[in-house]
């Protein structure tokens, strides 16, 4: 009687982490891949997508950690609909955990970058840079709609993009969920990777109090002013109850990173105070948040704050 041949099984091992990175030329794909490499990912750029199935075959050695593959309109065999079909097939495999990330950027900003560097856009052969960008955007639109993660680098510096990629993919030392509580100013743009955003512009704005204008939400007089607003305590407690309900559920689902952002007009007073208070309340509840203030150092100006004046 023949002895059955044992078949390879992936039920008792973690799936291979595979990150596919694409986006508009000049938007920051190479920067994102460089950060991933620093974080311990094996990275391959401009990989022929049609060979992807063979690269992640069941027999592939997975001992070298997660794999990030970059491709764009210059990559051989680049057909968005075919790429989506292939990735759908791969995503059905239990031995793979696939994430798709798209790096986007506004056309005007991309045009400025190409004009400054005097590089030729890959799809601008025989036409203007603007037309090349527009053609590439149309080509890549199916991939943008289908992506799990979209990072818009229009208002980001290279360092800020690197920080966002680290926030999304840097593993915690003990495998626990990483929690960030941040503040920002809506007038200076939304945070691109926040999971939960709370708008604090309903609160009375300290900017219009002369003695408070040059202070920030980290200063006691500003905090006292904000807490006197009748709407603060009720809203704060409701947000806290929501977070303490959601965060444990995110952890159970295996979410590695959660970013909770509080916004106000300029990002210097109401959002800063609320983020600081919420982070402390979450610490008291057993969580370990990191606090970041994106626009704390920005200059206070009436023009920025005018929309919230009462």
C-alpha atoms as a PDB file:
ATOM      1  CA  UNK A   1       0.000   0.000   0.000  1.00  0.00           C
ATOM      2  CA  UNK A   2       1.436   3.333  -1.041  1.00  0.00           C
ATOM      3  CA  UNK A   3       2.217   5.832   1.702  1.00  0.00           C
ATOM      4  CA  UNK A   4       0.376   9.127   1.170  1.00  0.00           C
ATOM      5  CA  UNK A   5       2.641  12.011   0.324  1.00  0.00           C
ATOM      6  CA  UNK A   6       2.348  14.832   2.835  1.00  0.00           C
ATOM      7  CA  UNK A   7       1.179  18.081   1.261  1.00  0.00           C
ATOM      8  CA  UNK A   8       2.623  21.416   2.346  1.00  0.00           C
ATOM      9  CA  UNK A   9       0.383  23.184   4.819  1.00  0.00           C
ATOM     10  CA  UNK A  10       0.235  26.857   5.737  1.00  0.00           C
ATOM     11  CA  UNK A  11      -2.386  26.496   8.431  1.00  0.00           C
ATOM     12  CA  UNK A  12       0.134  26.560  11.231  1.00  0.00           C
ATOM     13  CA  UNK A  13       2.310  29.386   9.914  1.00  0.00           C
ATOM     14  CA  UNK A  14       1.699  33.087   9.467  1.00  0.00           C
ATOM     15  CA  UNK A  15       0.825  34.170   5.915  1.00  0.00           C
ATOM     16  CA  UNK A  16       3.418  35.933   3.802  1.00  0.00           C
ATOM     17  CA  UNK A  17       2.961  39.710   4.036  1.00  0.00           C
ATOM     18  CA  UNK A  18       2.907  41.203   0.561  1.00  0.00           C
ATOM     19  CA  UNK A  19       2.574  44.948  -0.042  1.00  0.00           C
ATOM     20  CA  UNK A  20       2.002  46.230  -3.571  1.00  0.00           C
ATOM     21  CA  UNK A  21       2.971  49.876  -4.050  1.00  0.00           C
ATOM     22  CA  UNK A  22       2.026  51.946  -7.072  1.00  0.00           C
ATOM     23  CA  UNK A  23       1.000  55.508  -7.867  1.00  0.00           C
ATOM     24  CA  UNK A  24       1.617  58.503 -10.053  1.00  0.00           C
ATOM     25  CA  UNK A  25       5.160  59.088 -11.266  1.00  0.00           C
ATOM     26  CA  UNK A  26       6.849  61.643  -9.014  1.00  0.00           C
ATOM     27  CA  UNK A  27       4.335  61.196  -6.184  1.00  0.00           C
ATOM     28  CA  UNK A  28       6.771  59.412  -3.848  1.00  0.00           C
ATOM     29  CA  UNK A  29       6.712  55.670  -4.536  1.00  0.00           C
ATOM     30  CA  UNK A  30      10.505  55.333  -4.350  1.00  0.00           C
ATOM     31  CA  UNK A  31      10.576  57.196  -1.031  1.00  0.00           C
ATOM     32  CA  UNK A  32       7.909  54.894   0.402  1.00  0.00           C
ATOM     33  CA  UNK A  33       9.809  51.794  -0.707  1.00  0.00           C
ATOM     34  CA  UNK A  34      13.038  53.121   0.839  1.00  0.00           C
ATOM     35  CA  UNK A  35      11.288  53.556   4.199  1.00  0.00           C
ATOM     36  CA  UNK A  36       9.845  50.058   3.989  1.00  0.00           C
ATOM     37  CA  UNK A  37      13.321  48.689   3.351  1.00  0.00           C
ATOM     38  CA  UNK A  38      14.550  50.492   6.478  1.00  0.00           C
ATOM     39  CA  UNK A  39      11.699  48.839   8.398  1.00  0.00           C
ATOM     40  CA  UNK A  40      12.894  45.379   7.403  1.00  0.00           C
ATOM     41  CA  UNK A  41      10.818  44.750   4.294  1.00  0.00           C
ATOM     42  CA  UNK A  42      12.438  43.159   1.281  1.00  0.00           C
ATOM     43  CA  UNK A  43      11.673  45.602  -1.544  1.00  0.00           C
ATOM     44  CA  UNK A  44      11.648  45.245  -5.328  1.00  0.00           C
ATOM     45  CA  UNK A  45      10.870  48.196  -7.599  1.00  0.00           C
ATOM     46  CA  UNK A  46       9.599  48.121 -11.196  1.00  0.00           C
ATOM     47  CA  UNK A  47       8.928  44.394 -10.976  1.00  0.00           C
ATOM     48  CA  UNK A  48       7.137  42.860 -14.029  1.00  0.00           C
ATOM     49  CA  UNK A  49       3.680  42.275 -12.593  1.00  0.00           C
ATOM     50  CA  UNK A  50       2.989  39.233 -14.764  1.00  0.00           C
ATOM     51  CA  UNK A  51       5.749  37.398 -12.860  1.00  0.00           C
ATOM     52  CA  UNK A  52       4.205  38.133  -9.449  1.00  0.00           C
ATOM     53  CA  UNK A  53       2.476  34.763  -9.135  1.00  0.00           C
ATOM     54  CA  UNK A  54       5.795  32.934  -9.514  1.00  0.00           C
ATOM     55  CA  UNK A  55       7.561  35.239  -7.060  1.00  0.00           C
ATOM     56  CA  UNK A  56       5.129  34.381  -4.266  1.00  0.00           C
ATOM     57  CA  UNK A  57       4.593  30.709  -5.109  1.00  0.00           C
ATOM     58  CA  UNK A  58       3.768  28.413  -2.167  1.00  0.00           C
ATOM     59  CA  UNK A  59       7.317  27.067  -2.248  1.00  0.00           C
ATOM     60  CA  UNK A  60       8.862  30.504  -1.761  1.00  0.00           C
ATOM     61  CA  UNK A  61      11.108  30.822   1.282  1.00  0.00           C
ATOM     62  CA  UNK A  62       9.338  33.181   3.686  1.00  0.00           C
ATOM     63  CA  UNK A  63      12.110  33.384   6.216  1.00  0.00           C
ATOM     64  CA  UNK A  64      13.285  36.816   5.037  1.00  0.00           C
ATOM     65  CA  UNK A  65      10.235  38.736   6.254  1.00  0.00           C
ATOM     66  CA  UNK A  66       7.587  40.800   4.457  1.00  0.00           C
ATOM     67  CA  UNK A  67       7.873  41.719   0.797  1.00  0.00           C
ATOM     68  CA  UNK A  68       7.042  45.076  -0.848  1.00  0.00           C
ATOM     69  CA  UNK A  69       6.827  45.314  -4.628  1.00  0.00           C
ATOM     70  CA  UNK A  70       6.700  48.628  -6.494  1.00  0.00           C
ATOM     71  CA  UNK A  71       5.390  49.111 -10.010  1.00  0.00           C
ATOM     72  CA  UNK A  72       3.963  51.940 -12.104  1.00  0.00           C
ATOM     73  CA  UNK A  73       3.145  52.920 -15.676  1.00  0.00           C
ATOM     74  CA  UNK A  74       6.779  52.330 -16.727  1.00  0.00           C
ATOM     75  CA  UNK A  75       6.698  48.695 -15.617  1.00  0.00           C
ATOM     76  CA  UNK A  76       6.635  46.084 -18.358  1.00  0.00           C
ATOM     77  CA  UNK A  77       3.201  44.522 -18.780  1.00  0.00           C
ATOM     78  CA  UNK A  78       1.421  47.301 -16.900  1.00  0.00           C
ATOM     79  CA  UNK A  79      -2.308  46.833 -17.528  1.00  0.00           C
ATOM     80  CA  UNK A  80      -4.378  47.931 -14.499  1.00  0.00           C
ATOM     81  CA  UNK A  81      -7.356  45.631 -15.096  1.00  0.00           C
ATOM     82  CA  UNK A  82      -5.076  42.617 -15.476  1.00  0.00           C
ATOM     83  CA  UNK A  83      -3.154  43.595 -12.339  1.00  0.00           C
ATOM     84  CA  UNK A  84      -6.389  43.771 -10.337  1.00  0.00           C
ATOM     85  CA  UNK A  85      -7.443  40.372 -11.637  1.00  0.00           C
ATOM     86  CA  UNK A  86      -4.116  38.802 -10.704  1.00  0.00           C
ATOM     87  CA  UNK A  87      -4.091  40.316  -7.226  1.00  0.00           C
ATOM     88  CA  UNK A  88      -7.656  39.129  -6.616  1.00  0.00           C
ATOM     89  CA  UNK A  89      -6.493  35.579  -7.361  1.00  0.00           C
ATOM     90  CA  UNK A  90      -3.509  35.910  -5.042  1.00  0.00           C
ATOM     91  CA  UNK A  91      -5.643  37.446  -2.281  1.00  0.00           C
ATOM     92  CA  UNK A  92      -7.726  34.259  -2.186  1.00  0.00           C
ATOM     93  CA  UNK A  93      -4.702  32.240  -1.070  1.00  0.00           C
ATOM     94  CA  UNK A  94      -4.582  31.568   2.689  1.00  0.00           C
ATOM     95  CA  UNK A  95      -0.776  31.760   2.705  1.00  0.00           C
ATOM     96  CA  UNK A  96      -0.723  35.414   1.567  1.00  0.00           C
ATOM     97  CA  UNK A  97      -1.755  38.639   3.308  1.00  0.00           C
ATOM     98  CA  UNK A  98      -1.878  41.281   0.560  1.00  0.00           C
ATOM     99  CA  UNK A  99      -2.158  45.059   0.963  1.00  0.00           C
ATOM    100  CA  UNK A 100      -2.372  47.485  -1.957  1.00  0.00           C
ATOM    101  CA  UNK A 101      -1.036  51.035  -1.479  1.00  0.00           C
ATOM    102  CA  UNK A 102      -1.435  53.929  -3.933  1.00  0.00           C
ATOM    103  CA  UNK A 103       0.719  57.085  -3.764  1.00  0.00           C
ATOM    104  CA  UNK A 104      -1.247  60.026  -5.158  1.00  0.00           C
ATOM    105  CA  UNK A 105      -0.507  63.715  -5.733  1.00  0.00           C
ATOM    106  CA  UNK A 106      -2.299  66.680  -7.299  1.00  0.00           C
ATOM    107  CA  UNK A 107      -1.432  67.400 -10.907  1.00  0.00           C
ATOM    108  CA  UNK A 108      -0.245  70.960 -10.249  1.00  0.00           C
ATOM    109  CA  UNK A 109       2.200  69.800  -7.582  1.00  0.00           C
ATOM    110  CA  UNK A 110       3.529  67.010  -9.801  1.00  0.00           C
ATOM    111  CA  UNK A 111       4.019  69.483 -12.634  1.00  0.00           C
ATOM    112  CA  UNK A 112       5.954  71.767 -10.289  1.00  0.00           C
ATOM    113  CA  UNK A 113       8.190  68.893  -9.165  1.00  0.00           C
ATOM    114  CA  UNK A 114       8.987  67.849 -12.727  1.00  0.00           C
ATOM    115  CA  UNK A 115       9.708  71.420 -13.792  1.00  0.00           C
ATOM    116  CA  UNK A 116      12.037  71.936 -10.815  1.00  0.00           C
ATOM    117  CA  UNK A 117      14.009  68.734 -11.418  1.00  0.00           C
ATOM    118  CA  UNK A 118      13.820  69.011 -15.227  1.00  0.00           C
ATOM    119  CA  UNK A 119      13.031  65.323 -15.392  1.00  0.00           C
ATOM    120  CA  UNK A 120      10.929  63.996 -18.258  1.00  0.00           C
ATOM    121  CA  UNK A 121       7.571  62.513 -17.328  1.00  0.00           C
ATOM    122  CA  UNK A 122       7.351  58.892 -18.573  1.00  0.00           C
ATOM    123  CA  UNK A 123       4.061  59.561 -20.379  1.00  0.00           C
ATOM    124  CA  UNK A 124       4.981  62.995 -21.729  1.00  0.00           C
ATOM    125  CA  UNK A 125       6.672  61.743 -24.875  1.00  0.00           C
ATOM    126  CA  UNK A 126       5.779  64.282 -27.554  1.00  0.00           C
ATOM    127  CA  UNK A 127       3.455  66.228 -25.230  1.00  0.00           C
ATOM    128  CA  UNK A 128       3.538  68.550 -22.244  1.00  0.00           C
ATOM    129  CA  UNK A 129       4.223  67.402 -18.679  1.00  0.00           C
ATOM    130  CA  UNK A 130       0.655  68.384 -17.777  1.00  0.00           C
ATOM    131  CA  UNK A 131      -0.784  66.166 -20.509  1.00  0.00           C
ATOM    132  CA  UNK A 132       1.480  63.285 -19.468  1.00  0.00           C
ATOM    133  CA  UNK A 133       0.331  63.557 -15.853  1.00  0.00           C
ATOM    134  CA  UNK A 134      -3.317  63.634 -16.944  1.00  0.00           C
ATOM    135  CA  UNK A 135      -2.858  60.566 -19.153  1.00  0.00           C
ATOM    136  CA  UNK A 136      -1.157  58.620 -16.379  1.00  0.00           C
ATOM    137  CA  UNK A 137      -3.852  59.578 -13.867  1.00  0.00           C
ATOM    138  CA  UNK A 138      -6.542  58.264 -16.201  1.00  0.00           C
ATOM    139  CA  UNK A 139      -4.594  55.034 -16.722  1.00  0.00           C
ATOM    140  CA  UNK A 140      -4.072  54.453 -12.990  1.00  0.00           C
ATOM    141  CA  UNK A 141      -7.543  55.466 -11.782  1.00  0.00           C
ATOM    142  CA  UNK A 142      -8.809  51.830 -11.497  1.00  0.00           C
ATOM    143  CA  UNK A 143      -5.873  51.030  -9.204  1.00  0.00           C
ATOM    144  CA  UNK A 144      -6.491  54.099  -7.056  1.00  0.00           C
ATOM    145  CA  UNK A 145     -10.147  53.166  -6.575  1.00  0.00           C
ATOM    146  CA  UNK A 146      -9.169  49.614  -5.676  1.00  0.00           C
ATOM    147  CA  UNK A 147      -6.317  50.420  -3.262  1.00  0.00           C
ATOM    148  CA  UNK A 148      -6.510  49.582   0.447  1.00  0.00           C
ATOM    149  CA  UNK A 149      -4.364  52.595   1.387  1.00  0.00           C
ATOM    150  CA  UNK A 150      -4.139  55.918  -0.475  1.00  0.00           C
ATOM    151  CA  UNK A 151      -1.509  58.475   0.565  1.00  0.00           C
ATOM    152  CA  UNK A 152      -1.843  61.933  -0.988  1.00  0.00           C
ATOM    153  CA  UNK A 153       1.572  63.607  -0.966  1.00  0.00           C
ATOM    154  CA  UNK A 154       0.423  66.945  -2.402  1.00  0.00           C
ATOM    155  CA  UNK A 155       1.127  68.869   0.792  1.00  0.00           C
ATOM    156  CA  UNK A 156       3.747  66.554   2.247  1.00  0.00           C
ATOM    157  CA  UNK A 157       7.489  66.961   2.393  1.00  0.00           C
ATOM    158  CA  UNK A 158       9.677  63.914   1.850  1.00  0.00           C
ATOM    159  CA  UNK A 159      10.187  63.636   5.615  1.00  0.00           C
ATOM    160  CA  UNK A 160       6.442  63.802   6.254  1.00  0.00           C
ATOM    161  CA  UNK A 161       5.802  61.026   3.722  1.00  0.00           C
ATOM    162  CA  UNK A 162       8.451  58.905   5.389  1.00  0.00           C
ATOM    163  CA  UNK A 163       6.799  59.498   8.753  1.00  0.00           C
ATOM    164  CA  UNK A 164       3.389  58.441   7.438  1.00  0.00           C
ATOM    165  CA  UNK A 165       4.770  55.221   5.973  1.00  0.00           C
ATOM    166  CA  UNK A 166       6.530  54.420   9.245  1.00  0.00           C
ATOM    167  CA  UNK A 167       3.330  55.059  11.181  1.00  0.00           C
ATOM    168  CA  UNK A 168       1.446  52.662   8.937  1.00  0.00           C
ATOM    169  CA  UNK A 169       3.960  49.812   8.761  1.00  0.00           C
ATOM    170  CA  UNK A 170       6.450  50.041  11.614  1.00  0.00           C
ATOM    171  CA  UNK A 171       5.833  47.038  13.901  1.00  0.00           C
ATOM    172  CA  UNK A 172       5.593  47.535  17.639  1.00  0.00           C
ATOM    173  CA  UNK A 173       8.192  45.742  19.737  1.00  0.00           C
ATOM    174  CA  UNK A 174       5.690  43.468  21.474  1.00  0.00           C
ATOM    175  CA  UNK A 175       3.266  43.065  18.587  1.00  0.00           C
ATOM    176  CA  UNK A 176       0.653  45.229  20.330  1.00  0.00           C
ATOM    177  CA  UNK A 177      -1.439  47.802  18.527  1.00  0.00           C
ATOM    178  CA  UNK A 178       0.283  51.181  18.134  1.00  0.00           C
ATOM    179  CA  UNK A 179      -1.973  54.108  19.049  1.00  0.00           C
ATOM    180  CA  UNK A 180      -1.304  57.716  18.031  1.00  0.00           C
ATOM    181  CA  UNK A 181      -3.386  60.705  19.115  1.00  0.00           C
ATOM    182  CA  UNK A 182      -2.688  63.841  17.102  1.00  0.00           C
ATOM    183  CA  UNK A 183      -3.845  67.397  16.544  1.00  0.00           C
ATOM    184  CA  UNK A 184      -3.979  69.288  13.248  1.00  0.00           C
ATOM    185  CA  UNK A 185      -5.447  72.368  11.574  1.00  0.00           C
ATOM    186  CA  UNK A 186      -8.111  71.927   8.905  1.00  0.00           C
ATOM    187  CA  UNK A 187      -6.888  75.123   7.237  1.00  0.00           C
ATOM    188  CA  UNK A 188      -3.561  73.390   6.634  1.00  0.00           C
ATOM    189  CA  UNK A 189      -4.988  70.148   5.258  1.00  0.00           C
ATOM    190  CA  UNK A 190      -6.395  66.889   6.564  1.00  0.00           C
ATOM    191  CA  UNK A 191      -4.026  64.218   7.954  1.00  0.00           C
ATOM    192  CA  UNK A 192      -3.740  61.640   5.152  1.00  0.00           C
ATOM    193  CA  UNK A 193      -3.720  58.472   7.259  1.00  0.00           C
ATOM    194  CA  UNK A 194      -5.973  59.181  10.233  1.00  0.00           C
ATOM    195  CA  UNK A 195      -8.383  56.360  11.085  1.00  0.00           C
ATOM    196  CA  UNK A 196     -10.706  58.498  13.215  1.00  0.00           C
ATOM    197  CA  UNK A 197     -11.038  62.289  12.856  1.00  0.00           C
ATOM    198  CA  UNK A 198     -12.907  64.530  15.295  1.00  0.00           C
ATOM    199  CA  UNK A 199     -13.692  68.156  14.417  1.00  0.00           C
ATOM    200  CA  UNK A 200     -13.359  70.460  17.464  1.00  0.00           C
ATOM    201  CA  UNK A 201     -14.270  73.672  15.629  1.00  0.00           C
ATOM    202  CA  UNK A 202     -17.631  73.784  17.447  1.00  0.00           C
ATOM    203  CA  UNK A 203     -15.766  74.991  20.552  1.00  0.00           C
ATOM    204  CA  UNK A 204     -15.160  78.676  21.321  1.00  0.00           C
ATOM    205  CA  UNK A 205     -11.913  79.685  19.603  1.00  0.00           C
ATOM    206  CA  UNK A 206      -9.175  81.013  21.963  1.00  0.00           C
ATOM    207  CA  UNK A 207      -7.491  82.731  19.022  1.00  0.00           C
ATOM    208  CA  UNK A 208      -9.954  85.603  19.328  1.00  0.00           C
ATOM    209  CA  UNK A 209      -9.010  86.213  22.959  1.00  0.00           C
ATOM    210  CA  UNK A 210      -6.063  88.600  22.808  1.00  0.00           C
ATOM    211  CA  UNK A 211      -4.310  87.207  25.889  1.00  0.00           C
ATOM    212  CA  UNK A 212      -4.602  83.627  24.535  1.00  0.00           C
ATOM    213  CA  UNK A 213      -3.792  84.139  20.854  1.00  0.00           C
ATOM    214  CA  UNK A 214      -0.055  83.527  21.076  1.00  0.00           C
ATOM    215  CA  UNK A 215      -0.452  80.667  23.563  1.00  0.00           C
ATOM    216  CA  UNK A 216      -1.296  77.084  22.592  1.00  0.00           C
ATOM    217  CA  UNK A 217      -3.440  74.240  23.834  1.00  0.00           C
ATOM    218  CA  UNK A 218      -0.552  73.136  26.029  1.00  0.00           C
ATOM    219  CA  UNK A 219      -0.851  76.305  28.128  1.00  0.00           C
ATOM    220  CA  UNK A 220      -3.144  76.229  31.173  1.00  0.00           C
ATOM    221  CA  UNK A 221      -5.092  79.451  30.385  1.00  0.00           C
ATOM    222  CA  UNK A 222      -6.076  78.078  26.977  1.00  0.00           C
ATOM    223  CA  UNK A 223      -7.196  74.782  28.506  1.00  0.00           C
ATOM    224  CA  UNK A 224      -9.265  76.586  31.125  1.00  0.00           C
ATOM    225  CA  UNK A 225     -10.956  78.662  28.419  1.00  0.00           C
ATOM    226  CA  UNK A 226     -11.796  75.600  26.325  1.00  0.00           C
ATOM    227  CA  UNK A 227     -13.168  73.663  29.285  1.00  0.00           C
ATOM    228  CA  UNK A 228     -15.537  76.532  30.109  1.00  0.00           C
ATOM    229  CA  UNK A 229     -17.268  75.973  26.769  1.00  0.00           C
ATOM    230  CA  UNK A 230     -20.574  74.193  27.606  1.00  0.00           C
ATOM    231  CA  UNK A 231     -20.082  71.743  24.746  1.00  0.00           C
ATOM    232  CA  UNK A 232     -16.622  70.501  25.694  1.00  0.00           C
ATOM    233  CA  UNK A 233     -17.242  68.063  28.555  1.00  0.00           C
ATOM    234  CA  UNK A 234     -20.199  66.289  26.953  1.00  0.00           C
ATOM    235  CA  UNK A 235     -18.436  65.875  23.591  1.00  0.00           C
ATOM    236  CA  UNK A 236     -15.155  64.823  25.192  1.00  0.00           C
ATOM    237  CA  UNK A 237     -16.829  62.125  27.288  1.00  0.00           C
ATOM    238  CA  UNK A 238     -18.758  60.774  24.319  1.00  0.00           C
ATOM    239  CA  UNK A 239     -15.602  60.588  22.199  1.00  0.00           C
ATOM    240  CA  UNK A 240     -13.747  58.865  25.054  1.00  0.00           C
ATOM    241  CA  UNK A 241     -16.531  56.284  25.410  1.00  0.00           C
ATOM    242  CA  UNK A 242     -16.432  55.659  21.650  1.00  0.00           C
ATOM    243  CA  UNK A 243     -12.657  55.186  21.617  1.00  0.00           C
ATOM    244  CA  UNK A 244     -12.614  52.820  24.592  1.00  0.00           C
ATOM    245  CA  UNK A 245     -15.251  50.765  22.774  1.00  0.00           C
ATOM    246  CA  UNK A 246     -13.526  50.717  19.388  1.00  0.00           C
ATOM    247  CA  UNK A 247      -9.844  50.350  20.291  1.00  0.00           C
ATOM    248  CA  UNK A 248     -10.101  46.891  21.925  1.00  0.00           C
ATOM    249  CA  UNK A 249     -12.131  45.698  18.942  1.00  0.00           C
ATOM    250  CA  UNK A 250      -9.500  46.988  16.524  1.00  0.00           C
ATOM    251  CA  UNK A 251      -6.868  45.085  18.521  1.00  0.00           C
ATOM    252  CA  UNK A 252      -8.879  41.845  18.346  1.00  0.00           C
ATOM    253  CA  UNK A 253      -9.120  42.254  14.565  1.00  0.00           C
ATOM    254  CA  UNK A 254      -5.323  42.484  14.374  1.00  0.00           C
ATOM    255  CA  UNK A 255      -5.111  46.156  13.414  1.00  0.00           C
ATOM    256  CA  UNK A 256      -1.482  47.098  14.054  1.00  0.00           C
ATOM    257  CA  UNK A 257      -1.821  50.884  13.991  1.00  0.00           C
ATOM    258  CA  UNK A 258      -4.619  53.311  14.903  1.00  0.00           C
ATOM    259  CA  UNK A 259      -4.373  57.077  14.412  1.00  0.00           C
ATOM    260  CA  UNK A 260      -6.958  59.262  16.187  1.00  0.00           C
ATOM    261  CA  UNK A 261      -6.825  62.893  15.039  1.00  0.00           C
ATOM    262  CA  UNK A 262      -8.420  66.010  16.524  1.00  0.00           C
ATOM    263  CA  UNK A 263      -8.738  69.042  14.285  1.00  0.00           C
ATOM    264  CA  UNK A 264      -9.506  72.718  14.710  1.00  0.00           C
ATOM    265  CA  UNK A 265      -9.036  75.636  12.332  1.00  0.00           C
ATOM    266  CA  UNK A 266      -5.349  76.396  12.819  1.00  0.00           C
ATOM    267  CA  UNK A 267      -4.234  73.371  14.819  1.00  0.00           C
ATOM    268  CA  UNK A 268      -2.807  75.339  17.758  1.00  0.00           C
ATOM    269  CA  UNK A 269      -5.472  75.625  20.476  1.00  0.00           C
ATOM    270  CA  UNK A 270      -8.637  73.493  20.632  1.00  0.00           C
ATOM    271  CA  UNK A 271      -7.280  70.421  18.869  1.00  0.00           C
ATOM    272  CA  UNK A 272      -4.011  70.481  20.836  1.00  0.00           C
ATOM    273  CA  UNK A 273      -5.741  70.710  24.214  1.00  0.00           C
ATOM    274  CA  UNK A 274      -8.263  67.984  23.337  1.00  0.00           C
ATOM    275  CA  UNK A 275      -5.564  65.632  22.023  1.00  0.00           C
ATOM    276  CA  UNK A 276      -3.480  66.089  25.186  1.00  0.00           C
ATOM    277  CA  UNK A 277      -6.479  65.508  27.450  1.00  0.00           C
ATOM    278  CA  UNK A 278      -7.667  62.484  25.468  1.00  0.00           C
ATOM    279  CA  UNK A 279      -4.215  60.897  25.452  1.00  0.00           C
ATOM    280  CA  UNK A 280      -4.022  61.226  29.236  1.00  0.00           C
ATOM    281  CA  UNK A 281      -7.506  59.774  29.679  1.00  0.00           C
ATOM    282  CA  UNK A 282      -6.591  56.840  27.437  1.00  0.00           C
ATOM    283  CA  UNK A 283      -3.419  56.248  29.463  1.00  0.00           C
ATOM    284  CA  UNK A 284      -5.532  56.186  32.630  1.00  0.00           C
ATOM    285  CA  UNK A 285      -7.719  53.573  30.899  1.00  0.00           C
ATOM    286  CA  UNK A 286      -4.723  51.318  30.184  1.00  0.00           C
ATOM    287  CA  UNK A 287      -3.744  52.356  26.648  1.00  0.00           C
ATOM    288  CA  UNK A 288      -0.320  53.696  25.612  1.00  0.00           C
ATOM    289  CA  UNK A 289      -0.835  56.468  23.054  1.00  0.00           C
ATOM    290  CA  UNK A 290       1.835  58.599  21.431  1.00  0.00           C
ATOM    291  CA  UNK A 291       0.899  62.275  21.025  1.00  0.00           C
ATOM    292  CA  UNK A 292       1.793  64.360  17.969  1.00  0.00           C
ATOM    293  CA  UNK A 293       0.898  67.966  17.157  1.00  0.00           C
ATOM    294  CA  UNK A 294       1.259  68.646  13.450  1.00  0.00           C
ATOM    295  CA  UNK A 295       0.668  72.406  13.406  1.00  0.00           C
ATOM    296  CA  UNK A 296       1.610  73.421  16.940  1.00  0.00           C
ATOM    297  CA  UNK A 297       4.560  75.467  15.698  1.00  0.00           C
ATOM    298  CA  UNK A 298       2.587  77.233  12.975  1.00  0.00           C
ATOM    299  CA  UNK A 299       2.153  80.996  13.174  1.00  0.00           C
ATOM    300  CA  UNK A 300      -1.163  82.285  14.555  1.00  0.00           C
ATOM    301  CA  UNK A 301      -2.885  84.404  11.890  1.00  0.00           C
ATOM    302  CA  UNK A 302      -6.323  86.023  11.729  1.00  0.00           C
ATOM    303  CA  UNK A 303      -6.664  84.983   8.093  1.00  0.00           C
ATOM    304  CA  UNK A 304      -6.365  81.290   8.938  1.00  0.00           C
ATOM    305  CA  UNK A 305      -8.737  81.502  11.917  1.00  0.00           C
ATOM    306  CA  UNK A 306     -11.301  83.839  10.376  1.00  0.00           C
ATOM    307  CA  UNK A 307     -13.758  81.122   9.323  1.00  0.00           C
ATOM    308  CA  UNK A 308     -14.374  80.136  12.952  1.00  0.00           C
ATOM    309  CA  UNK A 309     -14.861  83.641  14.356  1.00  0.00           C
ATOM    310  CA  UNK A 310     -18.160  84.094  16.169  1.00  0.00           C
END
